[in-house]
Amino acid sequence: MKIRYLLMNAYGVGGTIRTVMNQAGAMAGDHDVELVSVFRTRDEPKFPLDPRIRLHALIDLRGPRWRHPARTWFHNRPSRLVPPSEVRYAAFSRLSDRKIVRYLQSLHGGVLVTTRPALNLLAARFARPGIVRVAQEHMHLRSHKPELAAEIVRWYPNMDAVVTLTYTDAAEYMAALDGGGARVATIPNALSPAERAPATRNSKTIIAAGRLTRQKGFDLLIEAFASVAGTHPDWQLRIYGDGKERGELQRLIHRLHLYNHVYLMGGTTTLEKELPKGAMFVLSSRAEGFGMVLTEAMAHGLPVVSFDCPNGPAEIISHEQDGLLVPPGDLAGLAAAIERLIIDTEQRHALGTSALASAQRYDMSWIRPQWEQLFTELRNSQTREPHLE
């Protein structure tokens, strides 16, 4: 089976990039797999890529722009095809419109998996008949602005399938699309292939990780940890990740006098080496598409504490069995849950042991067959003609 994955930027760092590369690598053993990046921003991808996968980019943005005056003119003109309500709208341009549409219309047969709303919408509009088109959702429907949601409702029925990460999101898509033609399925992200050392859970280190953006709620975590540090000054919080809120978070740390307790560790592509150093993992997001980092932490045997935010933690964590769920935005509740695991060593170890067992359902050996079955069923039943305007 020929399978193509279309990413916005396979050369960047982020959860979507990592999970798509993992999926592509798992499929490459028995299938003809191609990874296409709209943009190329560096010489090599930051995440390891299976050598059996063919990787190419539609637009090469390496080097100074003055070397490519024609590209610069098109690249500076805003996209006409990507909705302005798409979070990454500013990254797209008239040039990317032309390149993506030309690529989509060049395809014949096989499976095309697109990995963000902008690319899903373009595939729905411009991919030729005979291609199995799968829209992969890495956030959730309610996270999109109303204008973008309207475009999704308009065009996603042209897709053969919309794949969500959670059953909650799948139900919302089915209601929104109202039987419009696209099959809605749920397949969670798989664990990254890695050697995972088990956490000892005996350190006095709490670990968190993600992009330093408002969505990830690290400001909430730091505020909650302030009360924990006052009672347990020998404990520390390490936050891994980069992002636009780094300066603001650093100022918050200083304002709360936590500079000896909270550390912004920067980004890493080897989080699996850092997780075993923790006693627990905390997710403080205001919203999630899934919460992949929770499954990664649990796979190391770390007990997890998480806000019960939409849409993922409650489908990953069984409260009081392999982790603790806290009402969204409840800072006192988050601090209490963290302190509970600091004090109760026995429960910390019990939750971590259960978390390790729970995480096995996200192993690629379980996830890959779900994708293969979906692709096969879609290919065998494909009879619809796309609706184009």
Protein backbone atom coordinates (compact mmCIF):
# COMPACT_ATOMS: atom_id res chain seq x y z
CA MET A 1 0.00 0.00 0.00
CA LYS A 2 1.29 3.47 -0.87
CA ILE A 3 0.88 5.87 2.06
CA ARG A 4 1.74 9.57 2.00
CA TYR A 5 1.88 11.83 5.06
CA LEU A 6 1.68 15.59 4.51
CA LEU A 7 3.14 17.71 7.34
CA MET A 8 3.48 21.46 7.57
CA ASN A 9 7.13 21.27 8.68
CA ALA A 10 8.79 17.92 9.24
CA TYR A 11 11.99 19.77 10.19
CA GLY A 12 10.53 21.43 13.28
CA VAL A 13 9.95 20.23 16.84
CA GLY A 14 6.51 19.40 18.18
CA GLY A 15 4.18 16.64 19.22
CA THR A 16 2.42 16.35 15.85
CA ILE A 17 5.71 16.05 13.99
CA ARG A 18 7.02 13.41 16.34
CA THR A 19 3.88 11.27 16.34
CA VAL A 20 3.45 11.42 12.56
CA MET A 21 7.06 10.38 12.05
CA ASN A 22 6.55 7.51 14.50
CA GLN A 23 3.47 6.36 12.64
CA ALA A 24 5.17 6.64 9.26
CA GLY A 25 8.12 4.65 10.55
CA ALA A 26 5.88 1.89 11.87
CA MET A 27 4.09 1.61 8.52
CA ALA A 28 7.31 1.65 6.47
CA GLY A 29 8.08 -1.97 7.25
CA ASP A 30 5.35 -3.36 4.99
CA HIS A 31 4.22 -0.35 2.95
CA ASP A 32 5.58 2.24 0.52
CA VAL A 33 5.72 5.34 2.75
CA GLU A 34 6.44 8.92 1.76
CA LEU A 35 6.65 11.93 4.08
CA VAL A 36 6.09 15.33 2.45
CA SER A 37 6.88 18.55 4.30
CA VAL A 38 5.37 21.77 3.00
CA PHE A 39 8.34 23.71 4.36
CA ARG A 40 11.99 22.84 4.88
CA THR A 41 13.72 25.03 7.46
CA ARG A 42 16.92 23.10 8.21
CA ASP A 43 19.18 20.48 6.64
CA GLU A 44 17.92 17.49 8.63
CA PRO A 45 14.83 16.73 10.72
CA LYS A 46 15.21 17.15 14.47
CA PHE A 47 13.50 13.81 15.15
CA PRO A 48 14.94 10.52 13.84
CA LEU A 49 13.31 9.31 10.64
CA ASP A 50 13.17 5.69 9.48
CA PRO A 51 15.57 5.41 6.49
CA ARG A 52 12.93 3.47 4.53
CA ILE A 53 10.77 6.62 4.35
CA ARG A 54 11.23 9.00 1.43
CA LEU A 55 11.23 12.61 2.65
CA HIS A 56 10.93 15.69 0.49
CA ALA A 57 9.77 19.27 0.86
CA LEU A 58 7.63 21.49 -1.34
CA ILE A 59 9.27 24.79 -0.31
CA ASP A 60 12.88 25.15 0.80
CA LEU A 61 13.23 28.06 3.25
CA ARG A 62 16.85 27.48 4.13
CA GLY A 63 19.26 30.34 3.67
CA PRO A 64 18.62 34.10 3.35
CA ARG A 65 15.57 35.17 1.40
CA TRP A 66 17.48 37.58 -0.84
CA ARG A 67 18.79 34.54 -2.72
CA HIS A 68 15.27 33.74 -3.90
CA PRO A 69 13.54 37.00 -4.93
CA ALA A 70 10.64 35.28 -6.73
CA ARG A 71 10.04 33.01 -3.77
CA THR A 72 10.17 35.98 -1.42
CA TRP A 73 7.51 37.89 -3.39
CA PHE A 74 5.10 34.95 -3.36
CA HIS A 75 6.04 33.96 0.17
CA ASN A 76 5.19 37.42 1.51
CA ARG A 77 1.72 37.43 -0.01
CA PRO A 78 -0.93 35.91 2.29
CA SER A 79 -2.63 32.64 1.44
CA ARG A 80 -5.94 32.79 -0.40
CA LEU A 81 -6.83 29.17 0.37
CA VAL A 82 -6.02 28.72 4.06
CA PRO A 83 -8.65 30.24 6.38
CA PRO A 84 -7.23 33.19 8.40
CA SER A 85 -8.75 31.53 11.48
CA GLU A 86 -6.23 28.66 11.19
CA VAL A 87 -3.73 29.02 14.05
CA ARG A 88 -0.74 28.80 11.68
CA TYR A 89 -2.27 30.93 8.95
CA ALA A 90 0.67 33.37 8.93
CA ALA A 91 3.06 30.57 7.93
CA PHE A 92 1.13 29.92 4.71
CA SER A 93 1.34 32.11 1.62
CA ARG A 94 0.45 32.43 -2.03
CA LEU A 95 3.52 30.32 -2.74
CA SER A 96 2.45 27.52 -0.41
CA ASP A 97 -1.05 27.62 -1.96
CA ARG A 98 0.43 26.94 -5.39
CA LYS A 99 2.87 24.28 -4.22
CA ILE A 100 0.37 22.34 -2.10
CA VAL A 101 -2.39 22.36 -4.73
CA ARG A 102 0.07 21.29 -7.44
CA TYR A 103 1.27 18.46 -5.22
CA LEU A 104 -2.27 17.30 -4.38
CA GLN A 105 -3.31 17.29 -8.00
CA SER A 106 -0.25 15.27 -8.99
CA LEU A 107 -1.24 12.30 -6.82
CA HIS A 108 -2.79 9.10 -8.14
CA GLY A 109 -4.02 6.27 -5.94
CA GLY A 110 -2.89 5.24 -2.50
CA VAL A 111 -3.57 6.90 0.85
CA LEU A 112 -2.98 10.55 1.73
CA VAL A 113 -2.89 11.50 5.42
CA THR A 114 -3.01 15.22 6.14
CA THR A 115 -2.13 16.40 9.62
CA ARG A 116 -3.56 19.84 10.43
CA PRO A 117 -6.76 21.73 9.50
CA ALA A 118 -5.16 23.82 6.73
CA LEU A 119 -3.84 20.73 4.96
CA ASN A 120 -7.01 18.72 5.60
CA LEU A 121 -9.13 21.46 3.99
CA LEU A 122 -6.85 21.70 0.97
CA ALA A 123 -6.88 17.93 0.50
CA ALA A 124 -10.68 17.93 0.71
CA ARG A 125 -10.88 20.57 -2.00
CA PHE A 126 -8.10 19.72 -4.42
CA ALA A 127 -6.99 16.06 -4.17
CA ARG A 128 -8.01 14.04 -7.23
CA PRO A 129 -10.55 11.20 -7.22
CA GLY A 130 -9.16 7.77 -6.46
CA ILE A 131 -7.02 8.83 -3.50
CA VAL A 132 -8.02 7.78 0.01
CA ARG A 133 -7.98 11.05 1.96
CA VAL A 134 -7.60 10.87 5.75
CA ALA A 135 -7.76 13.99 7.93
CA GLN A 136 -5.76 13.52 11.12
CA GLU A 137 -6.88 15.76 13.99
CA HIS A 138 -4.18 16.51 16.57
CA MET A 139 -6.21 18.96 18.65
CA HIS A 140 -10.00 18.81 18.99
CA LEU A 141 -12.97 20.40 17.25
CA ARG A 142 -13.84 22.83 20.06
CA SER A 143 -10.29 24.19 20.08
CA HIS A 144 -10.79 25.68 16.61
CA LYS A 145 -12.19 29.16 16.08
CA PRO A 146 -15.82 29.29 14.89
CA GLU A 147 -14.80 30.47 11.41
CA LEU A 148 -12.44 27.51 11.01
CA ALA A 149 -15.03 25.10 12.41
CA ALA A 150 -17.47 26.33 9.74
CA GLU A 151 -14.92 25.54 7.02
CA ILE A 152 -14.39 22.11 8.55
CA VAL A 153 -18.12 21.39 8.47
CA ARG A 154 -18.25 22.58 4.86
CA TRP A 155 -15.31 20.62 3.45
CA TYR A 156 -14.53 17.62 5.66
CA PRO A 157 -17.43 15.58 4.21
CA ASN A 158 -15.22 15.33 1.09
CA MET A 159 -12.64 13.37 3.08
CA ASP A 160 -12.85 9.60 3.30
CA ALA A 161 -12.14 9.66 7.03
CA VAL A 162 -11.55 12.02 9.93
CA VAL A 163 -9.42 10.44 12.65
CA THR A 164 -9.52 11.88 16.16
CA LEU A 165 -7.37 11.10 19.16
CA THR A 166 -10.24 10.74 21.63
CA TYR A 167 -13.76 9.30 21.62
CA THR A 168 -15.10 12.57 23.01
CA ASP A 169 -13.80 14.46 20.00
CA ALA A 170 -15.10 11.79 17.62
CA ALA A 171 -18.61 12.25 18.99
CA GLU A 172 -18.37 16.00 18.42
CA TYR A 173 -17.19 15.51 14.83
CA MET A 174 -19.98 13.06 14.10
CA ALA A 175 -22.52 15.56 15.39
CA ALA A 176 -20.98 18.44 13.45
CA LEU A 177 -20.64 16.56 10.16
CA ASP A 178 -24.10 15.00 10.65
CA GLY A 179 -23.51 12.00 8.43
CA GLY A 180 -21.92 14.12 5.72
CA GLY A 181 -19.93 11.30 4.16
CA ALA A 182 -16.60 11.17 5.96
CA ARG A 183 -16.11 8.24 8.30
CA VAL A 184 -15.13 9.32 11.83
CA ALA A 185 -12.71 7.06 13.69
CA THR A 186 -10.65 7.27 16.87
CA ILE A 187 -7.04 6.11 16.96
CA PRO A 188 -4.81 7.47 19.75
CA ASN A 189 -1.20 8.39 19.26
CA ALA A 190 1.29 5.61 19.81
CA LEU A 191 4.26 5.74 22.12
CA SER A 192 7.52 6.79 20.51
CA PRO A 193 9.97 3.96 19.88
CA ALA A 194 12.61 4.36 22.58
CA GLU A 195 14.53 2.54 25.26
CA ARG A 196 12.67 3.50 28.45
CA ALA A 197 14.46 3.28 31.75
CA PRO A 198 11.98 2.83 34.60
CA ALA A 199 11.63 5.75 36.99
CA THR A 200 12.75 5.05 40.54
CA ARG A 201 10.19 7.59 41.82
CA ASN A 202 12.52 8.31 44.74
CA SER A 203 13.91 11.62 43.56
CA LYS A 204 12.53 14.94 44.75
CA THR A 205 11.94 16.17 41.23
CA ILE A 206 8.63 16.88 39.52
CA ILE A 207 8.69 16.91 35.73
CA ALA A 208 6.51 18.75 33.23
CA ALA A 209 7.00 19.19 29.49
CA GLY A 210 5.48 20.91 26.48
CA ARG A 211 5.56 24.08 24.42
CA LEU A 212 5.82 27.21 26.54
CA THR A 213 2.46 28.59 25.45
CA ARG A 214 -0.68 29.64 27.28
CA GLN A 215 -2.45 26.44 26.26
CA LYS A 216 0.00 24.34 28.27
CA GLY A 217 -0.76 26.24 31.47
CA PHE A 218 2.73 26.32 32.94
CA ASP A 219 1.84 29.61 34.62
CA LEU A 220 -0.86 27.71 36.51
CA LEU A 221 1.59 24.96 37.45
CA ILE A 222 4.18 27.43 38.73
CA GLU A 223 1.58 29.23 40.84
CA ALA A 224 0.32 25.94 42.26
CA PHE A 225 3.85 24.77 42.98
CA ALA A 226 4.57 27.93 45.00
CA SER A 227 2.54 26.57 47.91
CA VAL A 228 4.13 23.13 47.54
CA ALA A 229 7.64 24.60 47.67
CA GLY A 230 6.75 26.50 50.83
CA THR A 231 5.96 23.24 52.61
CA HIS A 232 8.52 21.03 50.84
CA PRO A 233 11.50 23.28 50.02
CA ASP A 234 13.71 20.32 49.11
CA TRP A 235 11.53 19.52 46.06
CA GLN A 236 11.99 21.07 42.62
CA LEU A 237 10.02 21.42 39.41
CA ARG A 238 11.68 20.99 36.02
CA ILE A 239 9.81 22.19 32.92
CA TYR A 240 11.09 21.00 29.54
CA GLY A 241 10.20 22.92 26.39
CA ASP A 242 10.63 26.16 24.48
CA GLY A 243 8.14 28.76 23.40
CA LYS A 244 7.05 32.38 23.29
CA GLU A 245 6.08 32.51 26.98
CA ARG A 246 9.52 31.64 28.31
CA GLY A 247 10.29 35.21 29.37
CA GLU A 248 6.94 35.65 31.04
CA LEU A 249 7.29 32.36 32.90
CA GLN A 250 10.79 33.29 34.05
CA ARG A 251 9.47 36.57 35.42
CA LEU A 252 6.71 34.69 37.25
CA ILE A 253 9.30 32.37 38.80
CA HIS A 254 11.25 35.38 40.09
CA ARG A 255 8.16 37.21 41.29
CA LEU A 256 7.18 34.17 43.37
CA HIS A 257 10.80 33.70 44.58
CA LEU A 258 10.94 30.20 43.09
CA TYR A 259 14.30 30.59 41.33
CA ASN A 260 15.78 27.84 43.56
CA HIS A 261 12.81 25.53 43.00
CA VAL A 262 11.50 25.88 39.42
CA TYR A 263 13.77 25.45 36.39
CA LEU A 264 12.97 26.05 32.72
CA MET A 265 15.14 23.36 31.18
CA GLY A 266 14.69 24.29 27.51
CA GLY A 267 13.61 22.07 24.66
CA THR A 268 14.77 18.48 24.22
CA THR A 269 14.27 15.76 21.64
CA THR A 270 15.30 13.12 24.18
CA LEU A 271 12.67 13.56 26.89
CA GLU A 272 12.85 9.81 27.49
CA LYS A 273 16.23 10.39 29.15
CA GLU A 274 14.82 13.00 31.51
CA LEU A 275 11.55 11.37 32.58
CA PRO A 276 13.17 8.57 34.65
CA LYS A 277 14.76 11.25 36.83
CA GLY A 278 11.38 12.33 38.15
CA ALA A 279 9.21 11.23 41.03
CA MET A 280 6.03 12.25 39.23
CA PHE A 281 4.82 14.01 36.09
CA VAL A 282 2.35 16.91 36.06
CA LEU A 283 0.23 18.17 33.15
CA SER A 284 -1.37 21.57 33.72
CA SER A 285 -2.80 22.29 30.27
CA ARG A 286 -5.86 24.44 29.72
CA ALA A 287 -6.69 22.20 26.73
CA GLU A 288 -5.16 19.21 24.95
CA GLY A 289 -5.76 17.33 21.76
CA PHE A 290 -4.74 14.14 23.54
CA GLY A 291 -1.91 14.47 26.03
CA MET A 292 0.80 12.35 24.42
CA VAL A 293 3.33 13.39 27.01
CA LEU A 294 1.15 11.74 29.68
CA THR A 295 1.45 8.36 27.98
CA GLU A 296 5.21 8.84 27.59
CA ALA A 297 5.57 9.58 31.31
CA MET A 298 3.37 6.64 32.28
CA ALA A 299 5.46 4.34 30.06
CA HIS A 300 8.39 5.11 32.38
CA GLY A 301 6.30 4.15 35.39
CA LEU A 302 5.78 7.71 36.58
CA PRO A 303 2.62 8.55 38.51
CA VAL A 304 0.85 11.44 36.80
CA VAL A 305 -1.19 14.38 38.02
CA SER A 306 -3.26 16.25 35.45
CA PHE A 307 -5.98 18.80 35.02
CA ASP A 308 -9.06 17.07 33.61
CA CYS A 309 -8.99 19.45 30.65
CA PRO A 310 -10.59 18.83 27.26
CA ASN A 311 -9.92 16.51 25.50
CA GLY A 312 -7.64 13.68 26.52
CA PRO A 313 -6.42 13.24 30.08
CA ALA A 314 -9.63 11.56 31.28
CA GLU A 315 -9.32 8.97 28.49
CA ILE A 316 -5.69 8.26 29.43
CA ILE A 317 -5.80 8.41 33.23
CA SER A 318 -8.01 6.29 35.45
CA HIS A 319 -8.38 8.50 38.52
CA GLU A 320 -6.91 7.00 41.68
CA GLN A 321 -5.74 3.94 39.74
CA ASP A 322 -2.80 5.10 37.60
CA GLY A 323 -2.86 8.85 38.26
CA LEU A 324 -4.80 11.75 39.71
CA LEU A 325 -7.21 14.05 37.85
CA VAL A 326 -7.90 17.56 39.09
CA PRO A 327 -10.73 19.88 37.94
CA PRO A 328 -9.50 22.24 35.20
CA GLY A 329 -7.88 25.39 36.52
CA ASP A 330 -8.13 24.32 40.18
CA LEU A 331 -4.76 25.55 41.50
CA ALA A 332 -5.43 24.52 45.10
CA GLY A 333 -6.51 21.08 43.89
CA LEU A 334 -3.40 20.72 41.73
CA ALA A 335 -1.14 21.69 44.62
CA ALA A 336 -2.95 19.27 46.94
CA ALA A 337 -2.60 16.39 44.47
CA ILE A 338 1.13 17.05 44.05
CA GLU A 339 1.63 17.29 47.81
CA ARG A 340 -0.35 14.11 48.33
CA LEU A 341 2.11 12.16 46.18
CA ILE A 342 5.07 13.85 47.85
CA ILE A 343 3.89 12.75 51.29
CA ASP A 344 2.43 9.34 50.44
CA THR A 345 5.40 7.43 49.06
CA GLU A 346 3.46 4.17 48.96
CA GLN A 347 0.71 5.61 46.81
CA ARG A 348 3.26 7.31 44.55
CA HIS A 349 4.87 3.95 43.82
CA ALA A 350 1.52 2.15 43.44
CA LEU A 351 0.19 4.69 40.94
CA GLY A 352 3.47 4.56 39.00
CA THR A 353 3.35 0.79 38.75
CA SER A 354 -0.23 0.92 37.49
CA ALA A 355 0.67 3.72 35.06
CA LEU A 356 3.36 1.53 33.50
CA ALA A 357 0.82 -1.23 32.86
CA SER A 358 -1.81 1.20 31.51
CA ALA A 359 0.62 2.76 29.04
CA GLN A 360 1.08 -0.52 27.18
CA ARG A 361 -2.22 0.03 25.34
CA TYR A 362 -0.47 2.85 23.47
CA ASP A 363 2.35 0.67 22.20
CA MET A 364 2.76 0.81 18.42
CA SER A 365 2.08 -2.92 18.20
CA TRP A 366 -1.53 -2.10 19.19
CA ILE A 367 -1.90 1.17 17.28
CA ARG A 368 -0.41 0.23 13.90
CA PRO A 369 -3.00 -2.52 13.12
CA GLN A 370 -5.78 0.01 13.70
CA TRP A 371 -4.35 2.29 11.01
CA GLU A 372 -3.78 -0.58 8.61
CA GLN A 373 -7.33 -1.81 9.05
CA LEU A 374 -8.74 1.68 8.50
CA PHE A 375 -6.68 2.29 5.36
CA THR A 376 -7.62 -1.11 3.93
CA GLU A 377 -11.33 -0.64 4.60
CA LEU A 378 -11.33 2.86 3.11
CA ARG A 379 -9.46 1.72 0.03
CA ASN A 380 -11.84 -1.19 -0.50
CA SER A 381 -14.97 0.90 -0.07
CA GLN A 382 -13.95 4.06 -1.86
CA THR A 383 -16.72 4.93 -4.31
CA ARG A 384 -17.47 8.60 -3.69
CA GLU A 385 -16.47 11.37 -6.05
CA PRO A 386 -15.05 14.51 -4.38
CA HIS A 387 -17.16 17.67 -4.41
CA LEU A 388 -15.13 20.58 -5.73
CA GLU A 389 -15.97 24.25 -6.16
